[in-house]
Amino acid sequence: MEQRFMGTSGLRVSALTLGTMSWGKETDAEAARTQLRDFVDAGGTSLDTAVSYVEGRSEAILGELIGDVVPRSDVVLISKAGISHRNGKSMVDTSRRAMLAGLDASLARLGTDHLDLWLAHIWDDNVPLEETLEALEYAVSSGRVRYAGVSNYNGWQLARAATLSDTALVANQVEYSLLARTVEKEVVPAAEHVGTGLLCWAPLGRGVLSGKYRGQIPSDSRGASATMGSYVEKYLEGRPASITEALLTAAKGLGRPPLDVALSWLLDHHGVSAAVIGPRSPEQLNEILKSSLAPLPEPILSVLNEVSAL
C-alpha cells in the first residue's frame, strides 16, 4: 500500500487509514483482530480512533491488539479528543482540562506512551481557540504526542488555528468524497496554504458509493439501522443518487468495483493524504483491500468531476 506524507510534514501514513469507529459496537473484538491483521498484511500502517468512539471501547480493543497482532513501532496511531459520549449524550469540550484528560485516557487504553498524531476532534465555540491549541502544543512538547492536528475545521478555522499555533498542525480530518465536495470551497485551499494534509472520513459516501444501496436498503446495513439510518439517508436520493449512478456506470465500463473507483478519485486529489475507511466486518475490509487504487482515465475523471461538481 502506498505511503504518503501528511501535508508538508515528515509523518508518513498509508493511503488507506483503518478507522475503528465501529469497534466495540458493530464490530466485536474478534472481528477487529481479523481486520487489523488483514490491514497490516496488505501494507496498511495508520490506524484512526478517538476517545469518544463507543465511550472508549474502540481504543481499548485496539490497545489489546497492538503488540500482539502488530508491533507498536509498525503503526501510526491517530486519536482525537474534544468530544465525549456518556449515557447516550454527546458533549463537546476542547478545554485544556478536557483535552489533556482525554489524552491520558487514550494512552492508557491504547497501552502506549505516545500517539503519532493527535487531533482536536471538533471546533468548540465555548472555548478560546488559543486554549485548545495550548493543549496540543503541550502534548507535543511533553513527548506524549509526535504530531498535532485538527478535525472537522472549516477553511477559516483551520487558517486561524494554523496561524496561532506554535506547533505545526499537520492534519485536518474532514468528510470528503464524490458525494461531499464542499471542502473544496475553502478547506482544501486553506490546507494547501498552511501545509496541512487532509485525512478524509466517509470516502465512500457513508457506504453509498459501494453501490449496495442501489434500489434497496440492505437489512444488515447502517441505512437500515434505527440509530444510523439518518447518517446514510441524505445520500440515497436526488442529486447524490445521480452521482452514484454515474459512478456505477464508470466502474462497469472500467471493469473495476465502484468503491475502487470512488477511492481512486479521492486519492488522486492534491492535498489528500489518506482516506479513512470504516468497514464493519472483515469481509467489507477485504473488498476494499482488493482495490487497485490506480489513477482513473482522464475521460472518466472528467465525467465524474462534472457530475459531482459543487
Protein backbone atom coordinates (compact mmCIF):
# COMPACT_ATOMS: atom_id res chain seq x y z
CA MET A 1 0.00 0.00 0.00
CA GLU A 2 1.27 3.46 -0.87
CA GLN A 3 2.74 5.51 1.97
CA ARG A 4 2.14 9.26 1.82
CA PHE A 5 3.36 12.30 3.71
CA MET A 6 0.85 14.05 5.93
CA GLY A 7 0.79 17.52 4.44
CA THR A 8 4.23 19.10 4.35
CA SER A 9 5.36 17.21 7.48
CA GLY A 10 7.65 14.19 7.60
CA LEU A 11 4.90 11.94 9.01
CA ARG A 12 4.09 9.05 6.67
CA VAL A 13 0.68 7.37 6.65
CA SER A 14 -0.78 4.66 4.45
CA ALA A 15 -3.09 5.88 1.67
CA LEU A 16 -5.88 3.91 3.34
CA THR A 17 -6.22 4.51 7.09
CA LEU A 18 -8.20 1.96 9.10
CA GLY A 19 -10.97 3.70 11.02
CA THR A 20 -12.23 1.99 14.17
CA MET A 21 -15.40 3.94 15.00
CA SER A 22 -17.48 0.74 14.91
CA TRP A 23 -15.12 -1.33 17.09
CA GLY A 24 -16.84 -2.29 20.32
CA LYS A 25 -20.31 -1.77 18.88
CA GLU A 26 -20.93 -3.08 15.35
CA THR A 27 -17.53 -4.82 15.25
CA ASP A 28 -16.62 -7.20 18.08
CA ALA A 29 -13.11 -7.85 19.35
CA GLU A 30 -12.52 -10.95 17.25
CA ALA A 31 -13.63 -9.26 14.03
CA ALA A 32 -11.43 -6.29 14.96
CA ARG A 33 -8.45 -8.61 15.34
CA THR A 34 -9.07 -10.05 11.88
CA GLN A 35 -9.45 -6.58 10.39
CA LEU A 36 -6.21 -5.34 11.89
CA ARG A 37 -4.28 -8.42 10.77
CA ASP A 38 -5.60 -8.21 7.20
CA PHE A 39 -5.00 -4.46 7.02
CA VAL A 40 -1.39 -4.75 8.19
CA ASP A 41 -0.77 -7.72 5.88
CA ALA A 42 -1.92 -5.53 2.98
CA GLY A 43 0.66 -2.87 3.88
CA GLY A 44 -1.57 -0.57 5.92
CA THR A 45 0.12 1.34 8.71
CA SER A 46 -2.17 4.11 10.00
CA LEU A 47 -4.98 3.47 12.49
CA ASP A 48 -7.62 6.03 13.45
CA THR A 49 -9.66 6.10 16.65
CA ALA A 50 -10.95 8.64 19.19
CA VAL A 51 -11.54 8.92 22.90
CA SER A 52 -15.29 9.21 22.16
CA TYR A 53 -15.71 6.12 19.97
CA VAL A 54 -18.10 3.77 21.78
CA GLU A 55 -17.18 5.51 25.05
CA GLY A 56 -13.56 4.38 24.79
CA ARG A 57 -14.15 0.75 23.82
CA SER A 58 -12.68 1.30 20.35
CA GLU A 59 -9.37 2.42 21.88
CA ALA A 60 -9.45 -0.38 24.44
CA ILE A 61 -9.86 -3.08 21.79
CA LEU A 62 -7.13 -1.55 19.65
CA GLY A 63 -4.84 -1.35 22.67
CA GLU A 64 -5.29 -5.06 23.34
CA LEU A 65 -4.30 -5.89 19.74
CA ILE A 66 -1.23 -3.68 19.39
CA GLY A 67 1.84 -5.63 20.38
CA ASP A 68 0.00 -8.88 19.71
CA VAL A 69 -1.17 -8.58 16.10
CA VAL A 70 1.34 -5.90 15.11
CA PRO A 71 4.32 -4.24 16.85
CA ARG A 72 3.63 -0.72 18.15
CA SER A 73 6.57 0.61 16.11
CA ASP A 74 4.97 -0.61 12.86
CA VAL A 75 1.81 1.50 13.07
CA VAL A 76 0.86 5.17 13.08
CA LEU A 77 -1.61 5.68 15.93
CA ILE A 78 -4.11 8.52 15.44
CA SER A 79 -6.64 9.55 18.06
CA LYS A 80 -8.83 12.53 18.84
CA ALA A 81 -10.18 14.33 21.89
CA GLY A 82 -12.78 17.05 22.42
CA ILE A 83 -15.99 15.01 22.11
CA SER A 84 -17.27 12.65 24.75
CA HIS A 85 -20.28 10.34 24.82
CA ARG A 86 -21.83 9.47 28.13
CA ASN A 87 -25.15 7.72 28.65
CA GLY A 88 -26.09 8.32 25.03
CA LYS A 89 -25.38 12.05 25.19
CA SER A 90 -22.69 13.85 23.22
CA MET A 91 -20.62 16.62 24.82
CA VAL A 92 -18.15 18.98 23.13
CA ASP A 93 -15.31 20.30 25.28
CA THR A 94 -11.90 21.24 23.89
CA SER A 95 -10.69 22.98 27.04
CA ARG A 96 -7.15 22.26 28.20
CA ARG A 97 -8.53 20.18 31.08
CA ALA A 98 -10.77 18.04 28.87
CA MET A 99 -8.26 17.62 26.06
CA LEU A 100 -5.39 16.50 28.28
CA ALA A 101 -7.67 14.25 30.32
CA GLY A 102 -8.76 12.69 27.06
CA LEU A 103 -5.14 12.20 26.02
CA ASP A 104 -4.31 10.47 29.32
CA ALA A 105 -7.30 8.16 28.84
CA SER A 106 -6.33 7.39 25.24
CA LEU A 107 -2.76 6.50 26.14
CA ALA A 108 -3.92 4.26 28.99
CA ARG A 109 -6.42 2.37 26.87
CA LEU A 110 -4.06 2.05 23.91
CA GLY A 111 -1.24 0.85 26.14
CA THR A 112 1.33 3.25 24.72
CA ASP A 113 3.36 6.21 25.93
CA HIS A 114 2.66 8.34 22.87
CA LEU A 115 0.35 8.97 19.92
CA ASP A 116 1.82 9.57 16.49
CA LEU A 117 -0.94 12.04 15.62
CA TRP A 118 -3.45 13.68 17.98
CA LEU A 119 -6.36 15.79 16.78
CA ALA A 120 -8.78 18.27 18.31
CA HIS A 121 -11.93 16.44 17.25
CA ILE A 122 -14.13 19.45 16.54
CA TRP A 123 -14.32 23.24 16.75
CA ASP A 124 -15.68 24.44 20.10
CA ASP A 125 -17.36 27.85 20.20
CA ASN A 126 -17.32 27.83 24.01
CA VAL A 127 -13.55 27.51 24.43
CA PRO A 128 -10.94 30.04 23.24
CA LEU A 129 -9.05 28.60 20.29
CA GLU A 130 -5.79 29.57 21.97
CA GLU A 131 -6.59 27.28 24.89
CA THR A 132 -7.25 24.29 22.64
CA LEU A 133 -4.02 24.96 20.76
CA GLU A 134 -2.09 25.21 24.03
CA ALA A 135 -3.26 21.69 24.89
CA LEU A 136 -2.00 20.40 21.52
CA GLU A 137 1.31 22.23 21.95
CA TYR A 138 1.81 20.90 25.48
CA ALA A 139 1.09 17.35 24.35
CA VAL A 140 3.78 17.62 21.66
CA SER A 141 6.36 19.35 23.88
CA SER A 142 5.87 16.76 26.63
CA GLY A 143 6.57 13.92 24.20
CA ARG A 144 3.18 12.26 24.56
CA VAL A 145 2.26 13.27 21.00
CA ARG A 146 4.53 13.35 17.96
CA TYR A 147 2.32 15.44 15.63
CA ALA A 148 -0.80 17.53 16.18
CA GLY A 149 -3.78 18.44 14.04
CA VAL A 150 -7.49 19.19 13.99
CA SER A 151 -10.69 17.59 12.76
CA ASN A 152 -13.82 18.95 11.08
CA TYR A 153 -12.44 22.50 10.90
CA ASN A 154 -13.68 24.65 8.04
CA GLY A 155 -11.36 26.84 5.98
CA TRP A 156 -11.17 29.95 8.15
CA GLN A 157 -11.00 27.89 11.34
CA LEU A 158 -8.03 25.89 10.00
CA ALA A 159 -6.25 29.01 8.77
CA ARG A 160 -6.79 30.78 12.09
CA ALA A 161 -5.60 27.79 14.09
CA ALA A 162 -2.50 27.30 11.93
CA THR A 163 -1.65 30.98 12.32
CA LEU A 164 -1.94 30.97 16.11
CA SER A 165 -0.39 27.59 16.85
CA ASP A 166 3.24 27.34 17.89
CA THR A 167 3.11 23.68 16.82
CA ALA A 168 2.57 22.79 13.16
CA LEU A 169 -0.92 21.43 12.51
CA VAL A 170 -0.18 18.66 10.05
CA ALA A 171 -3.68 17.23 9.55
CA ASN A 172 -7.34 18.17 9.25
CA GLN A 173 -9.77 15.25 9.26
CA VAL A 174 -12.82 16.10 7.17
CA GLU A 175 -15.60 14.42 5.21
CA TYR A 176 -14.65 14.26 1.53
CA SER A 177 -15.99 12.08 -1.27
CA LEU A 178 -17.75 12.29 -4.61
CA LEU A 179 -20.92 12.95 -2.60
CA ALA A 180 -19.37 15.50 -0.24
CA ARG A 181 -17.17 18.03 -2.02
CA THR A 182 -17.96 21.19 -0.05
CA VAL A 183 -14.46 21.10 1.48
CA GLU A 184 -13.14 22.15 -1.93
CA LYS A 185 -14.58 25.64 -1.43
CA GLU A 186 -12.39 26.72 1.48
CA VAL A 187 -10.85 23.81 3.37
CA VAL A 188 -8.71 22.46 0.53
CA PRO A 189 -7.20 25.86 -0.37
CA ALA A 190 -6.60 26.68 3.30
CA ALA A 191 -4.95 23.31 3.91
CA GLU A 192 -2.66 23.72 0.92
CA HIS A 193 -1.72 27.22 2.04
CA VAL A 194 -0.72 26.19 5.58
CA GLY A 195 0.75 22.80 4.66
CA THR A 196 -1.91 20.68 6.34
CA GLY A 197 -2.77 17.25 4.93
CA LEU A 198 -6.35 16.01 4.65
CA LEU A 199 -7.48 12.82 6.35
CA CYS A 200 -10.78 12.08 4.63
CA TRP A 201 -13.53 10.33 6.52
CA ALA A 202 -16.52 8.70 4.77
CA PRO A 203 -14.58 8.46 1.47
CA LEU A 204 -17.24 6.03 0.21
CA GLY A 205 -20.09 8.44 0.83
CA ARG A 206 -21.05 6.73 4.10
CA GLY A 207 -21.15 3.42 2.21
CA VAL A 208 -23.43 4.59 -0.60
CA LEU A 209 -20.65 4.69 -3.21
CA SER A 210 -20.12 0.95 -2.81
CA GLY A 211 -23.36 0.54 -4.77
CA LYS A 212 -25.01 -1.64 -2.15
CA TYR A 213 -27.91 0.78 -1.67
CA ARG A 214 -28.89 0.83 -5.34
CA GLY A 215 -32.63 0.17 -5.40
CA GLN A 216 -32.68 -1.21 -1.88
CA ILE A 217 -31.57 -0.74 1.71
CA PRO A 218 -29.92 -3.99 2.84
CA SER A 219 -31.32 -5.18 6.15
CA ASP A 220 -27.85 -5.54 7.68
CA SER A 221 -26.64 -2.09 6.58
CA ARG A 222 -26.28 1.13 8.53
CA GLY A 223 -29.03 2.58 6.33
CA ALA A 224 -31.49 0.12 7.87
CA SER A 225 -30.35 0.83 11.42
CA ALA A 226 -32.61 2.81 13.73
CA THR A 227 -29.60 4.67 15.14
CA MET A 228 -27.52 5.09 11.96
CA GLY A 229 -30.19 5.36 9.27
CA SER A 230 -30.14 9.17 9.23
CA TYR A 231 -26.34 9.04 8.77
CA VAL A 232 -26.85 7.41 5.35
CA GLU A 233 -30.27 8.74 4.33
CA LYS A 234 -29.09 12.11 2.95
CA TYR A 235 -27.12 10.35 0.20
CA LEU A 236 -29.80 7.95 -1.03
CA GLU A 237 -31.98 10.19 -3.18
CA GLY A 238 -31.86 13.19 -5.51
CA ARG A 239 -28.52 14.50 -6.73
CA PRO A 240 -26.41 12.09 -4.64
CA ALA A 241 -28.26 9.18 -6.25
CA SER A 242 -27.48 10.58 -9.71
CA ILE A 243 -23.78 10.88 -8.82
CA THR A 244 -23.78 7.31 -7.55
CA GLU A 245 -25.35 6.09 -10.80
CA ALA A 246 -22.63 7.86 -12.79
CA LEU A 247 -20.00 6.19 -10.63
CA LEU A 248 -21.56 2.75 -11.12
CA THR A 249 -21.64 3.28 -14.88
CA ALA A 250 -18.00 4.34 -14.90
CA ALA A 251 -17.00 1.38 -12.74
CA LYS A 252 -18.79 -1.06 -15.05
CA GLY A 253 -17.02 0.41 -18.07
CA LEU A 254 -13.64 0.12 -16.37
CA GLY A 255 -14.30 -3.37 -15.03
CA ARG A 256 -13.50 -2.19 -11.52
CA PRO A 257 -15.59 -2.22 -8.31
CA PRO A 258 -17.39 1.07 -7.61
CA LEU A 259 -15.59 1.52 -4.29
CA ASP A 260 -12.23 1.21 -6.07
CA VAL A 261 -13.20 3.98 -8.50
CA ALA A 262 -14.53 6.18 -5.67
CA LEU A 263 -11.35 5.80 -3.60
CA SER A 264 -9.11 6.30 -6.64
CA TRP A 265 -10.96 9.52 -7.49
CA LEU A 266 -10.43 10.86 -3.98
CA LEU A 267 -6.79 9.84 -3.52
CA ASP A 268 -5.87 11.50 -6.81
CA HIS A 269 -6.74 14.92 -5.38
CA HIS A 270 -3.84 17.13 -4.37
CA GLY A 271 -3.70 17.67 -0.64
CA VAL A 272 -5.39 14.38 0.26
CA SER A 273 -3.02 12.36 2.44
CA ALA A 274 -5.27 9.41 3.25
CA ALA A 275 -8.79 8.03 3.07
CA VAL A 276 -10.15 6.80 6.39
CA ILE A 277 -12.11 3.62 5.70
CA GLY A 278 -14.55 2.30 8.30
CA PRO A 279 -15.52 -1.29 7.46
CA ARG A 280 -17.75 -3.03 9.99
CA SER A 281 -16.63 -6.54 9.08
CA PRO A 282 -13.53 -8.33 7.77
CA GLU A 283 -15.46 -9.07 4.58
CA GLN A 284 -16.09 -5.39 3.93
CA LEU A 285 -12.45 -4.59 4.60
CA ASN A 286 -11.23 -7.28 2.21
CA GLU A 287 -13.42 -5.87 -0.57
CA ILE A 288 -11.73 -2.51 -0.02
CA LEU A 289 -8.24 -4.02 0.16
CA LYS A 290 -8.77 -5.62 -3.25
CA SER A 291 -8.92 -2.13 -4.78
CA SER A 292 -6.17 -1.28 -7.23
CA LEU A 293 -6.39 2.44 -6.38
CA ALA A 294 -4.98 3.06 -9.87
CA PRO A 295 -5.40 6.53 -11.40
CA LEU A 296 -8.59 6.92 -13.43
CA PRO A 297 -8.50 7.57 -17.20
CA GLU A 298 -8.89 11.26 -17.96
CA PRO A 299 -12.30 10.94 -19.71
CA ILE A 300 -13.75 9.05 -16.72
CA LEU A 301 -12.23 11.54 -14.28
CA SER A 302 -13.70 14.47 -16.22
CA VAL A 303 -17.19 12.97 -16.24
CA LEU A 304 -17.12 12.20 -12.51
CA ASN A 305 -15.83 15.69 -11.74
CA GLU A 306 -18.56 17.25 -13.85
CA VAL A 307 -21.47 15.25 -12.49
CA SER A 308 -20.39 15.76 -8.86
CA ALA A 309 -19.24 19.39 -9.14
CA LEU A 310 -20.48 21.81 -6.50
